[in-house]
Amino acid sequence: IKAKPFFEILKVRNQSMWEIFAQLLKDEEQELIFTNEKDEVLFNYILPNTLEKLKKDQEKFTKEFQEKIKN
């Protein structure tokens, strides 16, 4: 997934990445790889196979993000 266009689309559609991730859920976990324009890996995310696990990931991400922006 090209990171910059992905996040630009989220802004335009006024959606969160978690809403998109929920639409991608399947029976098995999937690895989402985000790249820059040069196809260099920026980060990856293991998309879980259930909405419950996705919500736990979202809570964890939110907590960690809030801690990082405090510092």
Protein backbone atom coordinates (compact mmCIF):
# COMPACT_ATOMS: atom_id res chain seq x y z
CA ILE A 1 0.00 0.00 0.00
CA LYS A 2 1.42 3.37 -0.97
CA ALA A 3 1.25 5.28 2.33
CA LYS A 4 0.88 8.86 1.11
CA PRO A 5 -2.07 8.27 -1.27
CA PHE A 6 -3.72 5.96 1.28
CA PHE A 7 -3.72 8.62 4.00
CA GLU A 8 -4.76 11.33 1.53
CA ILE A 9 -7.79 9.24 0.53
CA LEU A 10 -8.67 8.82 4.21
CA LYS A 11 -8.66 12.61 4.62
CA VAL A 12 -10.81 13.19 1.54
CA ARG A 13 -13.32 10.53 2.59
CA ASN A 14 -13.18 11.60 6.24
CA GLN A 15 -12.59 7.99 7.30
CA SER A 16 -10.20 6.44 9.77
CA MET A 17 -7.73 3.78 8.77
CA TRP A 18 -9.49 1.49 11.24
CA GLU A 19 -12.72 1.73 9.25
CA ILE A 20 -10.83 0.68 6.13
CA PHE A 21 -9.02 -2.09 7.99
CA ALA A 22 -12.37 -3.44 9.22
CA GLN A 23 -13.52 -3.74 5.60
CA LEU A 24 -10.41 -5.79 4.77
CA LEU A 25 -10.89 -8.46 7.44
CA LYS A 26 -10.80 -12.06 6.22
CA ASP A 27 -10.66 -15.50 7.82
CA GLU A 28 -6.87 -15.35 8.07
CA GLU A 29 -4.50 -12.64 9.26
CA GLN A 30 -2.97 -10.50 6.51
CA GLU A 31 0.19 -8.45 6.43
CA LEU A 32 -0.31 -4.90 5.21
CA ILE A 33 2.91 -3.31 4.01
CA PHE A 34 3.03 0.46 3.64
CA THR A 35 5.63 1.89 1.28
CA ASN A 36 6.80 5.27 0.09
CA GLU A 37 6.92 6.42 -3.53
CA LYS A 38 10.19 4.49 -4.02
CA ASP A 39 8.59 1.26 -2.77
CA GLU A 40 10.71 1.37 0.39
CA VAL A 41 8.95 -0.20 3.35
CA LEU A 42 7.86 2.39 5.90
CA PHE A 43 5.97 0.08 8.24
CA ASN A 44 3.82 -3.00 8.26
CA TYR A 45 0.74 -4.08 10.16
CA ILE A 46 -0.59 -7.56 10.74
CA LEU A 47 -4.31 -7.24 10.13
CA PRO A 48 -6.09 -9.61 12.49
CA ASN A 49 -8.87 -11.93 11.41
CA THR A 50 -11.59 -10.60 13.75
CA LEU A 51 -13.18 -7.25 14.48
CA GLU A 52 -12.61 -7.82 18.20
CA LYS A 53 -8.85 -8.15 17.71
CA LEU A 54 -8.85 -5.12 15.42
CA LYS A 55 -10.55 -3.02 18.11
CA LYS A 56 -7.91 -4.13 20.64
CA ASP A 57 -5.18 -3.08 18.20
CA GLN A 58 -6.89 0.27 17.75
CA GLU A 59 -7.05 0.83 21.51
CA LYS A 60 -3.38 -0.10 21.89
CA PHE A 61 -2.37 2.15 18.98
CA THR A 62 -4.38 5.09 20.36
CA LYS A 63 -2.81 4.73 23.79
CA GLU A 64 0.74 4.49 22.40
CA PHE A 65 0.16 7.41 20.03
CA GLN A 66 -1.15 9.61 22.84
CA GLU A 67 1.92 8.76 24.93
CA LYS A 68 4.24 9.68 22.05
CA ILE A 69 2.63 13.05 21.40
CA LYS A 70 2.79 13.94 25.10
CA ASN A 71 6.58 13.65 25.01
